[in-house]
Each structure stands twice: as C-alpha cells, then as structure tokens.
Amino acid sequence: MDHFADRLRAAPQSRLQRGAAAEALALARELARRTQAVEEPGSEPRQMPDAGMFAAADQILVAAHDLALVLKSDDEVGEAVRLVEEARGRAGV
C-alpha cells in the first residue's frame, strides 16, 4: 500500500487526471466499506468523500490502515492485498 501511495504522490498531474486518482479513490472507498462492514455489521456504509486527486494517496493509506486493524485471517489479508495490486495495475503507477 505504501508503495502504491508513493507512486501516486510522484505521478504527474496528467496521469492522475487520466484515471489514477479515480482508481485510488475507488480502492479507498472499497477498503473503507469493508472496514465498516466488520465494525458495524448490518448498517448502511458511509461513502468516503472525494477529497481531490492530490489527496488520493492519503485516502488509500488511511483506508488500508483502518482495514488492517480489523482483518482477522490470512485469507482476508490476501484478499486486501489482491485488491490493492489490481487497483495499482489499473491505475498504471
């Protein structure tokens, strides 16, 4: 996750505008949704706001660290890692 965030921070604005920031925000929202499902099962998940393309790296870090605190198994960790790797690939950073 840290590597993905670092790559986003180093990416030129044009790459962020071409979809890297949107991909990062989608990942952050999914990670936050998963965290909320564990912490507040059965409740309606709140959506992480779009704080702008330059905040996308910070948003994925916050969401990933929150999720890491509630994961209970190696399988859950593996699934989270897979989500991050797929998003990083789609973001092209």
PDB file of N, CA and C in Angstrom:
ATOM      1  N   MET A   1       0.821  -1.185   0.000  1.00  0.00           N
ATOM      2  CA  MET A   1       0.000   0.000   0.000  1.00  0.00           C
ATOM      3  C   MET A   1       0.867   1.252   0.000  1.00  0.00           C
ATOM      4  N   ASP A   2       1.890   1.236   0.833  1.00  0.00           N
ATOM      5  CA  ASP A   2       2.768   2.410   0.897  1.00  0.00           C
ATOM      6  C   ASP A   2       3.413   2.683  -0.462  1.00  0.00           C
ATOM      7  N   HIS A   3       3.810   1.609  -1.150  1.00  0.00           N
ATOM      8  CA  HIS A   3       4.426   1.773  -2.468  1.00  0.00           C
ATOM      9  C   HIS A   3       3.435   2.404  -3.456  1.00  0.00           C
ATOM     10  N   PHE A   4       2.195   1.932  -3.436  1.00  0.00           N
ATOM     11  CA  PHE A   4       1.157   2.485  -4.311  1.00  0.00           C
ATOM     12  C   PHE A   4       0.951   3.964  -4.001  1.00  0.00           C
ATOM     13  N   ALA A   5       0.856   4.304  -2.735  1.00  0.00           N
ATOM     14  CA  ALA A   5       0.666   5.699  -2.342  1.00  0.00           C
ATOM     15  C   ALA A   5       1.843   6.564  -2.773  1.00  0.00           C
ATOM     16  N   ASP A   6       3.047   6.055  -2.591  1.00  0.00           N
ATOM     17  CA  ASP A   6       4.234   6.804  -3.010  1.00  0.00           C
ATOM     18  C   ASP A   6       4.225   7.039  -4.516  1.00  0.00           C
ATOM     19  N   ARG A   7       3.823   6.022  -5.266  1.00  0.00           N
ATOM     20  CA  ARG A   7       3.772   6.166  -6.724  1.00  0.00           C
ATOM     21  C   ARG A   7       2.720   7.203  -7.138  1.00  0.00           C
ATOM     22  N   LEU A   8       1.601   7.216  -6.437  1.00  0.00           N
ATOM     23  CA  LEU A   8       0.582   8.231  -6.731  1.00  0.00           C
ATOM     24  C   LEU A   8       1.108   9.629  -6.444  1.00  0.00           C
ATOM     25  N   ARG A   9       1.796   9.780  -5.332  1.00  0.00           N
ATOM     26  CA  ARG A   9       2.334  11.104  -4.981  1.00  0.00           C
ATOM     27  C   ARG A   9       3.349  11.591  -6.003  1.00  0.00           C
ATOM     28  N   ALA A  10       4.087  10.654  -6.590  1.00  0.00           N
ATOM     29  CA  ALA A  10       5.122  11.010  -7.557  1.00  0.00           C
ATOM     30  C   ALA A  10       4.578  11.144  -8.977  1.00  0.00           C
ATOM     31  N   ALA A  11       3.363  10.699  -9.197  1.00  0.00           N
ATOM     32  CA  ALA A  11       2.789  10.716 -10.543  1.00  0.00           C
ATOM     33  C   ALA A  11       2.500  12.138 -10.994  1.00  0.00           C
ATOM     34  N   PRO A  12       2.688  12.397 -12.277  1.00  0.00           N
ATOM     35  CA  PRO A  12       2.344  13.725 -12.795  1.00  0.00           C
ATOM     36  C   PRO A  12       0.832  13.939 -12.765  1.00  0.00           C
ATOM     37  N   GLN A  13       0.455  15.180 -12.709  1.00  0.00           N
ATOM     38  CA  GLN A  13      -0.961  15.531 -12.656  1.00  0.00           C
ATOM     39  C   GLN A  13      -1.726  14.915 -13.826  1.00  0.00           C
ATOM     40  N   SER A  14      -1.107  14.873 -14.985  1.00  0.00           N
ATOM     41  CA  SER A  14      -1.796  14.318 -16.157  1.00  0.00           C
ATOM     42  C   SER A  14      -2.158  12.850 -15.947  1.00  0.00           C
ATOM     43  N   ARG A  15      -1.301  12.084 -15.305  1.00  0.00           N
ATOM     44  CA  ARG A  15      -1.604  10.673 -15.042  1.00  0.00           C
ATOM     45  C   ARG A  15      -2.730  10.555 -14.020  1.00  0.00           C
ATOM     46  N   LEU A  16      -2.683  11.406 -13.008  1.00  0.00           N
ATOM     47  CA  LEU A  16      -3.762  11.397 -12.019  1.00  0.00           C
ATOM     48  C   LEU A  16      -5.090  11.708 -12.686  1.00  0.00           C
ATOM     49  N   GLN A  17      -5.092  12.669 -13.592  1.00  0.00           N
ATOM     50  CA  GLN A  17      -6.316  13.062 -14.286  1.00  0.00           C
ATOM     51  C   GLN A  17      -6.811  11.986 -15.242  1.00  0.00           C
ATOM     52  N   ARG A  18      -5.887  11.175 -15.759  1.00  0.00           N
ATOM     53  CA  ARG A  18      -6.282  10.126 -16.708  1.00  0.00           C
ATOM     54  C   ARG A  18      -6.848   8.894 -16.013  1.00  0.00           C
ATOM     55  N   GLY A  19      -6.995   8.938 -14.714  1.00  0.00           N
ATOM     56  CA  GLY A  19      -7.665   7.832 -14.060  1.00  0.00           C
ATOM     57  C   GLY A  19      -6.981   7.259 -12.842  1.00  0.00           C
ATOM     58  N   ALA A  20      -5.717   7.574 -12.616  1.00  0.00           N
ATOM     59  CA  ALA A  20      -5.020   7.008 -11.462  1.00  0.00           C
ATOM     60  C   ALA A  20      -5.660   7.459 -10.157  1.00  0.00           C
ATOM     61  N   ALA A  21      -6.033   8.722 -10.069  1.00  0.00           N
ATOM     62  CA  ALA A  21      -6.640   9.233  -8.836  1.00  0.00           C
ATOM     63  C   ALA A  21      -8.032   8.627  -8.635  1.00  0.00           C
ATOM     64  N   ALA A  22      -8.782   8.485  -9.703  1.00  0.00           N
ATOM     65  CA  ALA A  22     -10.110   7.885  -9.601  1.00  0.00           C
ATOM     66  C   ALA A  22     -10.009   6.427  -9.161  1.00  0.00           C
ATOM     67  N   GLU A  23      -9.032   5.723  -9.670  1.00  0.00           N
ATOM     68  CA  GLU A  23      -8.821   4.330  -9.277  1.00  0.00           C
ATOM     69  C   GLU A  23      -8.443   4.246  -7.798  1.00  0.00           C
ATOM     70  N   ALA A  24      -7.597   5.154  -7.352  1.00  0.00           N
ATOM     71  CA  ALA A  24      -7.203   5.174  -5.942  1.00  0.00           C
ATOM     72  C   ALA A  24      -8.397   5.485  -5.043  1.00  0.00           C
ATOM     73  N   LEU A  25      -9.227   6.422  -5.450  1.00  0.00           N
ATOM     74  CA  LEU A  25     -10.412   6.750  -4.665  1.00  0.00           C
ATOM     75  C   LEU A  25     -11.369   5.560  -4.608  1.00  0.00           C
ATOM     76  N   ALA A  26     -11.549   4.874  -5.718  1.00  0.00           N
ATOM     77  CA  ALA A  26     -12.424   3.694  -5.732  1.00  0.00           C
ATOM     78  C   ALA A  26     -11.886   2.628  -4.776  1.00  0.00           C
ATOM     79  N   LEU A  27     -10.568   2.437  -4.766  1.00  0.00           N
ATOM     80  CA  LEU A  27      -9.963   1.482  -3.845  1.00  0.00           C
ATOM     81  C   LEU A  27     -10.174   1.923  -2.402  1.00  0.00           C
ATOM     82  N   ALA A  28      -9.923   3.174  -2.113  1.00  0.00           N
ATOM     83  CA  ALA A  28     -10.094   3.676  -0.748  1.00  0.00           C
ATOM     84  C   ALA A  28     -11.539   3.489  -0.291  1.00  0.00           C
ATOM     85  N   ARG A  29     -12.474   3.742  -1.162  1.00  0.00           N
ATOM     86  CA  ARG A  29     -13.889   3.570  -0.812  1.00  0.00           C
ATOM     87  C   ARG A  29     -14.215   2.098  -0.542  1.00  0.00           C
ATOM     88  N   GLU A  30     -13.657   1.205  -1.347  1.00  0.00           N
ATOM     89  CA  GLU A  30     -13.912  -0.223  -1.140  1.00  0.00           C
ATOM     90  C   GLU A  30     -13.283  -0.704   0.164  1.00  0.00           C
ATOM     91  N   LEU A  31     -12.072  -0.274   0.451  1.00  0.00           N
ATOM     92  CA  LEU A  31     -11.423  -0.669   1.706  1.00  0.00           C
ATOM     93  C   LEU A  31     -12.199  -0.130   2.901  1.00  0.00           C
ATOM     94  N   ALA A  32     -12.662   1.109   2.798  1.00  0.00           N
ATOM     95  CA  ALA A  32     -13.453   1.703   3.879  1.00  0.00           C
ATOM     96  C   ALA A  32     -14.780   0.962   4.052  1.00  0.00           C
ATOM     97  N   ARG A  33     -15.403   0.575   2.952  1.00  0.00           N
ATOM     98  CA  ARG A  33     -16.655  -0.173   3.012  1.00  0.00           C
ATOM     99  C   ARG A  33     -16.451  -1.499   3.732  1.00  0.00           C
ATOM    100  N   ARG A  34     -15.354  -2.176   3.422  1.00  0.00           N
ATOM    101  CA  ARG A  34     -15.061  -3.458   4.075  1.00  0.00           C
ATOM    102  C   ARG A  34     -14.808  -3.271   5.572  1.00  0.00           C
ATOM    103  N   THR A  35     -14.112  -2.210   5.923  1.00  0.00           N
ATOM    104  CA  THR A  35     -13.871  -1.940   7.341  1.00  0.00           C
ATOM    105  C   THR A  35     -15.184  -1.693   8.066  1.00  0.00           C
ATOM    106  N   GLN A  36     -16.034  -0.881   7.479  1.00  0.00           N
ATOM    107  CA  GLN A  36     -17.321  -0.574   8.103  1.00  0.00           C
ATOM    108  C   GLN A  36     -18.184  -1.823   8.238  1.00  0.00           C
ATOM    109  N   ALA A  37     -18.107  -2.742   7.274  1.00  0.00           N
ATOM    110  CA  ALA A  37     -18.898  -3.978   7.343  1.00  0.00           C
ATOM    111  C   ALA A  37     -18.487  -4.827   8.540  1.00  0.00           C
ATOM    112  N   VAL A  38     -17.215  -4.782   8.901  1.00  0.00           N
ATOM    113  CA  VAL A  38     -16.734  -5.534  10.068  1.00  0.00           C
ATOM    114  C   VAL A  38     -17.082  -4.794  11.357  1.00  0.00           C
ATOM    115  N   GLU A  39     -16.847  -3.488  11.363  1.00  0.00           N
ATOM    116  CA  GLU A  39     -17.056  -2.707  12.583  1.00  0.00           C
ATOM    117  C   GLU A  39     -18.529  -2.465  12.899  1.00  0.00           C
ATOM    118  N   GLU A  40     -19.349  -2.334  11.858  1.00  0.00           N
ATOM    119  CA  GLU A  40     -20.765  -2.006  12.042  1.00  0.00           C
ATOM    120  C   GLU A  40     -21.624  -2.898  11.140  1.00  0.00           C
ATOM    121  N   PRO A  41     -21.612  -4.218  11.397  1.00  0.00           N
ATOM    122  CA  PRO A  41     -22.367  -5.115  10.511  1.00  0.00           C
ATOM    123  C   PRO A  41     -23.848  -4.745  10.467  1.00  0.00           C
ATOM    124  N   GLY A  42     -24.393  -4.820   9.266  1.00  0.00           N
ATOM    125  CA  GLY A  42     -25.808  -4.536   9.085  1.00  0.00           C
ATOM    126  C   GLY A  42     -26.155  -3.074   8.895  1.00  0.00           C
ATOM    127  N   SER A  43     -25.204  -2.183   9.144  1.00  0.00           N
ATOM    128  CA  SER A  43     -25.509  -0.757   8.963  1.00  0.00           C
ATOM    129  C   SER A  43     -25.186  -0.330   7.534  1.00  0.00           C
ATOM    130  N   GLU A  44     -25.811   0.740   7.131  1.00  0.00           N
ATOM    131  CA  GLU A  44     -25.572   1.300   5.800  1.00  0.00           C
ATOM    132  C   GLU A  44     -24.170   1.925   5.771  1.00  0.00           C
ATOM    133  N   PRO A  45     -23.304   1.484   4.848  1.00  0.00           N
ATOM    134  CA  PRO A  45     -21.950   2.063   4.813  1.00  0.00           C
ATOM    135  C   PRO A  45     -21.958   3.522   4.363  1.00  0.00           C
ATOM    136  N   ARG A  46     -21.087   4.287   4.971  1.00  0.00           N
ATOM    137  CA  ARG A  46     -20.906   5.674   4.556  1.00  0.00           C
ATOM    138  C   ARG A  46     -19.832   5.695   3.463  1.00  0.00           C
ATOM    139  N   GLN A  47     -19.994   6.600   2.505  1.00  0.00           N
ATOM    140  CA  GLN A  47     -19.032   6.661   1.412  1.00  0.00           C
ATOM    141  C   GLN A  47     -17.947   7.681   1.716  1.00  0.00           C
ATOM    142  N   MET A  48     -16.712   7.262   1.485  1.00  0.00           N
ATOM    143  CA  MET A  48     -15.587   8.180   1.651  1.00  0.00           C
ATOM    144  C   MET A  48     -15.728   9.305   0.622  1.00  0.00           C
ATOM    145  N   PRO A  49     -15.598  10.549   1.046  1.00  0.00           N
ATOM    146  CA  PRO A  49     -15.763  11.661   0.098  1.00  0.00           C
ATOM    147  C   PRO A  49     -14.571  11.776  -0.856  1.00  0.00           C
ATOM    148  N   ASP A  50     -14.809  12.409  -1.962  1.00  0.00           N
ATOM    149  CA  ASP A  50     -13.748  12.700  -2.920  1.00  0.00           C
ATOM    150  C   ASP A  50     -13.046  13.970  -2.442  1.00  0.00           C
ATOM    151  N   ALA A  51     -11.833  13.824  -1.946  1.00  0.00           N
ATOM    152  CA  ALA A  51     -11.078  14.967  -1.428  1.00  0.00           C
ATOM    153  C   ALA A  51     -10.154  15.568  -2.487  1.00  0.00           C
ATOM    154  N   GLY A  52     -10.282  15.107  -3.711  1.00  0.00           N
ATOM    155  CA  GLY A  52      -9.461  15.637  -4.795  1.00  0.00           C
ATOM    156  C   GLY A  52      -8.323  14.706  -5.158  1.00  0.00           C
ATOM    157  N   MET A  53      -7.847  14.862  -6.377  1.00  0.00           N
ATOM    158  CA  MET A  53      -6.848  13.930  -6.890  1.00  0.00           C
ATOM    159  C   MET A  53      -5.535  13.945  -6.114  1.00  0.00           C
ATOM    160  N   PHE A  54      -5.196  15.054  -5.505  1.00  0.00           N
ATOM    161  CA  PHE A  54      -3.930  15.115  -4.781  1.00  0.00           C
ATOM    162  C   PHE A  54      -4.025  14.492  -3.385  1.00  0.00           C
ATOM    163  N   ALA A  55      -5.224  14.173  -2.948  1.00  0.00           N
ATOM    164  CA  ALA A  55      -5.421  13.532  -1.645  1.00  0.00           C
ATOM    165  C   ALA A  55      -5.632  12.026  -1.772  1.00  0.00           C
ATOM    166  N   ALA A  56      -5.679  11.512  -2.985  1.00  0.00           N
ATOM    167  CA  ALA A  56      -5.991  10.100  -3.204  1.00  0.00           C
ATOM    168  C   ALA A  56      -5.007   9.172  -2.497  1.00  0.00           C
ATOM    169  N   ALA A  57      -3.729   9.495  -2.520  1.00  0.00           N
ATOM    170  CA  ALA A  57      -2.731   8.641  -1.866  1.00  0.00           C
ATOM    171  C   ALA A  57      -2.985   8.564  -0.370  1.00  0.00           C
ATOM    172  N   ASP A  58      -3.287   9.689   0.230  1.00  0.00           N
ATOM    173  CA  ASP A  58      -3.566   9.696   1.666  1.00  0.00           C
ATOM    174  C   ASP A  58      -4.846   8.934   1.984  1.00  0.00           C
ATOM    175  N   GLN A  59      -5.832   9.041   1.119  1.00  0.00           N
ATOM    176  CA  GLN A  59      -7.092   8.347   1.359  1.00  0.00           C
ATOM    177  C   GLN A  59      -6.910   6.831   1.323  1.00  0.00           C
ATOM    178  N   ILE A  60      -6.119   6.321   0.386  1.00  0.00           N
ATOM    179  CA  ILE A  60      -5.931   4.874   0.367  1.00  0.00           C
ATOM    180  C   ILE A  60      -5.113   4.415   1.566  1.00  0.00           C
ATOM    181  N   LEU A  61      -4.160   5.213   2.000  1.00  0.00           N
ATOM    182  CA  LEU A  61      -3.386   4.827   3.186  1.00  0.00           C
ATOM    183  C   LEU A  61      -4.256   4.768   4.430  1.00  0.00           C
ATOM    184  N   VAL A  62      -5.080   5.755   4.636  1.00  0.00           N
ATOM    185  CA  VAL A  62      -5.971   5.768   5.801  1.00  0.00           C
ATOM    186  C   VAL A  62      -6.916   4.572   5.754  1.00  0.00           C
ATOM    187  N   ALA A  63      -7.532   4.348   4.604  1.00  0.00           N
ATOM    188  CA  ALA A  63      -8.484   3.243   4.472  1.00  0.00           C
ATOM    189  C   ALA A  63      -7.799   1.895   4.661  1.00  0.00           C
ATOM    190  N   ALA A  64      -6.604   1.740   4.122  1.00  0.00           N
ATOM    191  CA  ALA A  64      -5.883   0.473   4.251  1.00  0.00           C
ATOM    192  C   ALA A  64      -5.459   0.216   5.688  1.00  0.00           C
ATOM    193  N   HIS A  65      -4.992   1.231   6.365  1.00  0.00           N
ATOM    194  CA  HIS A  65      -4.583   1.058   7.765  1.00  0.00           C
ATOM    195  C   HIS A  65      -5.794   0.743   8.646  1.00  0.00           C
ATOM    196  N   ASP A  66      -6.924   1.381   8.389  1.00  0.00           N
ATOM    197  CA  ASP A  66      -8.141   1.072   9.140  1.00  0.00           C
ATOM    198  C   ASP A  66      -8.556  -0.381   8.915  1.00  0.00           C
ATOM    199  N   LEU A  67      -8.504  -0.824   7.653  1.00  0.00           N
ATOM    200  CA  LEU A  67      -8.885  -2.198   7.346  1.00  0.00           C
ATOM    201  C   LEU A  67      -7.926  -3.189   8.004  1.00  0.00           C
ATOM    202  N   ALA A  68      -6.653  -2.877   7.985  1.00  0.00           N
ATOM    203  CA  ALA A  68      -5.660  -3.783   8.585  1.00  0.00           C
ATOM    204  C   ALA A  68      -5.949  -4.030  10.061  1.00  0.00           C
ATOM    205  N   LEU A  69      -6.522  -3.065  10.727  1.00  0.00           N
ATOM    206  CA  LEU A  69      -6.830  -3.222  12.155  1.00  0.00           C
ATOM    207  C   LEU A  69      -7.970  -4.200  12.418  1.00  0.00           C
ATOM    208  N   VAL A  70      -8.831  -4.448  11.430  1.00  0.00           N
ATOM    209  CA  VAL A  70      -9.985  -5.315  11.674  1.00  0.00           C
ATOM    210  C   VAL A  70      -9.898  -6.669  10.964  1.00  0.00           C
ATOM    211  N   LEU A  71      -8.883  -6.858  10.132  1.00  0.00           N
ATOM    212  CA  LEU A  71      -8.745  -8.146   9.446  1.00  0.00           C
ATOM    213  C   LEU A  71      -8.412  -9.229  10.454  1.00  0.00           C
ATOM    214  N   LYS A  72      -9.003 -10.409  10.254  1.00  0.00           N
ATOM    215  CA  LYS A  72      -8.857 -11.472  11.239  1.00  0.00           C
ATOM    216  C   LYS A  72      -8.117 -12.709  10.733  1.00  0.00           C
ATOM    217  N   SER A  73      -7.915 -12.822   9.437  1.00  0.00           N
ATOM    218  CA  SER A  73      -7.283 -14.040   8.930  1.00  0.00           C
ATOM    219  C   SER A  73      -6.308 -13.720   7.796  1.00  0.00           C
ATOM    220  N   ASP A  74      -5.457 -14.686   7.523  1.00  0.00           N
ATOM    221  CA  ASP A  74      -4.532 -14.537   6.407  1.00  0.00           C
ATOM    222  C   ASP A  74      -5.271 -14.438   5.081  1.00  0.00           C
ATOM    223  N   ASP A  75      -6.402 -15.134   4.979  1.00  0.00           N
ATOM    224  CA  ASP A  75      -7.197 -15.060   3.749  1.00  0.00           C
ATOM    225  C   ASP A  75      -7.725 -13.641   3.527  1.00  0.00           C
ATOM    226  N   GLU A  76      -8.174 -12.991   4.594  1.00  0.00           N
ATOM    227  CA  GLU A  76      -8.670 -11.619   4.481  1.00  0.00           C
ATOM    228  C   GLU A  76      -7.540 -10.665   4.093  1.00  0.00           C
ATOM    229  N   VAL A  77      -6.383 -10.878   4.656  1.00  0.00           N
ATOM    230  CA  VAL A  77      -5.215 -10.055   4.294  1.00  0.00           C
ATOM    231  C   VAL A  77      -4.877 -10.273   2.827  1.00  0.00           C
ATOM    232  N   GLY A  78      -4.868 -11.530   2.394  1.00  0.00           N
ATOM    233  CA  GLY A  78      -4.574 -11.838   0.991  1.00  0.00           C
ATOM    234  C   GLY A  78      -5.554 -11.189   0.041  1.00  0.00           C
ATOM    235  N   GLU A  79      -6.821 -11.182   0.411  1.00  0.00           N
ATOM    236  CA  GLU A  79      -7.844 -10.541  -0.416  1.00  0.00           C
ATOM    237  C   GLU A  79      -7.608  -9.031  -0.505  1.00  0.00           C
ATOM    238  N   ALA A  80      -7.258  -8.410   0.604  1.00  0.00           N
ATOM    239  CA  ALA A  80      -6.983  -6.970   0.611  1.00  0.00           C
ATOM    240  C   ALA A  80      -5.762  -6.652  -0.255  1.00  0.00           C
ATOM    241  N   VAL A  81      -4.737  -7.468  -0.154  1.00  0.00           N
ATOM    242  CA  VAL A  81      -3.534  -7.266  -0.973  1.00  0.00           C
ATOM    243  C   VAL A  81      -3.884  -7.401  -2.448  1.00  0.00           C
ATOM    244  N   ARG A  82      -4.710  -8.379  -2.778  1.00  0.00           N
ATOM    245  CA  ARG A  82      -5.121  -8.564  -4.167  1.00  0.00           C
ATOM    246  C   ARG A  82      -5.862  -7.326  -4.685  1.00  0.00           C
ATOM    247  N   LEU A  83      -6.754  -6.780  -3.875  1.00  0.00           N
ATOM    248  CA  LEU A  83      -7.480  -5.567  -4.280  1.00  0.00           C
ATOM    249  C   LEU A  83      -6.523  -4.417  -4.570  1.00  0.00           C
ATOM    250  N   VAL A  84      -5.539  -4.253  -3.707  1.00  0.00           N
ATOM    251  CA  VAL A  84      -4.569  -3.166  -3.878  1.00  0.00           C
ATOM    252  C   VAL A  84      -3.749  -3.376  -5.147  1.00  0.00           C
ATOM    253  N   GLU A  85      -3.261  -4.590  -5.355  1.00  0.00           N
ATOM    254  CA  GLU A  85      -2.443  -4.862  -6.541  1.00  0.00           C
ATOM    255  C   GLU A  85      -3.242  -4.662  -7.832  1.00  0.00           C
ATOM    256  N   GLU A  86      -4.483  -5.099  -7.843  1.00  0.00           N
ATOM    257  CA  GLU A  86      -5.314  -4.902  -9.028  1.00  0.00           C
ATOM    258  C   GLU A  86      -5.557  -3.418  -9.291  1.00  0.00           C
ATOM    259  N   ALA A  87      -5.832  -2.667  -8.243  1.00  0.00           N
ATOM    260  CA  ALA A  87      -6.068  -1.225  -8.408  1.00  0.00           C
ATOM    261  C   ALA A  87      -4.799  -0.524  -8.888  1.00  0.00           C
ATOM    262  N   ARG A  88      -3.669  -0.922  -8.330  1.00  0.00           N
ATOM    263  CA  ARG A  88      -2.403  -0.318  -8.751  1.00  0.00           C
ATOM    264  C   ARG A  88      -2.151  -0.578 -10.235  1.00  0.00           C
ATOM    265  N   GLY A  89      -2.448  -1.795 -10.670  1.00  0.00           N
ATOM    266  CA  GLY A  89      -2.282  -2.116 -12.074  1.00  0.00           C
ATOM    267  C   GLY A  89      -3.197  -1.290 -12.972  1.00  0.00           C
ATOM    268  N   ARG A  90      -4.448  -1.157 -12.563  1.00  0.00           N
ATOM    269  CA  ARG A  90      -5.395  -0.351 -13.352  1.00  0.00           C
ATOM    270  C   ARG A  90      -5.010   1.130 -13.352  1.00  0.00           C
ATOM    271  N   ALA A  91      -4.428   1.591 -12.256  1.00  0.00           N
ATOM    272  CA  ALA A  91      -4.028   2.999 -12.161  1.00  0.00           C
ATOM    273  C   ALA A  91      -2.804   3.300 -13.009  1.00  0.00           C
ATOM    274  N   GLY A  92      -2.022   2.276 -13.287  1.00  0.00           N
ATOM    275  CA  GLY A  92      -0.850   2.473 -14.141  1.00  0.00           C
ATOM    276  C   GLY A  92       0.291   3.214 -13.471  1.00  0.00           C
ATOM    277  N   VAL A  93       0.397   3.071 -12.159  1.00  0.00           N
ATOM    278  CA  VAL A  93       1.513   3.716 -11.455  1.00  0.00           C
ATOM    279  C   VAL A  93       2.355   2.686 -10.735  1.00  0.00           C
TER     280      VAL A  93
END
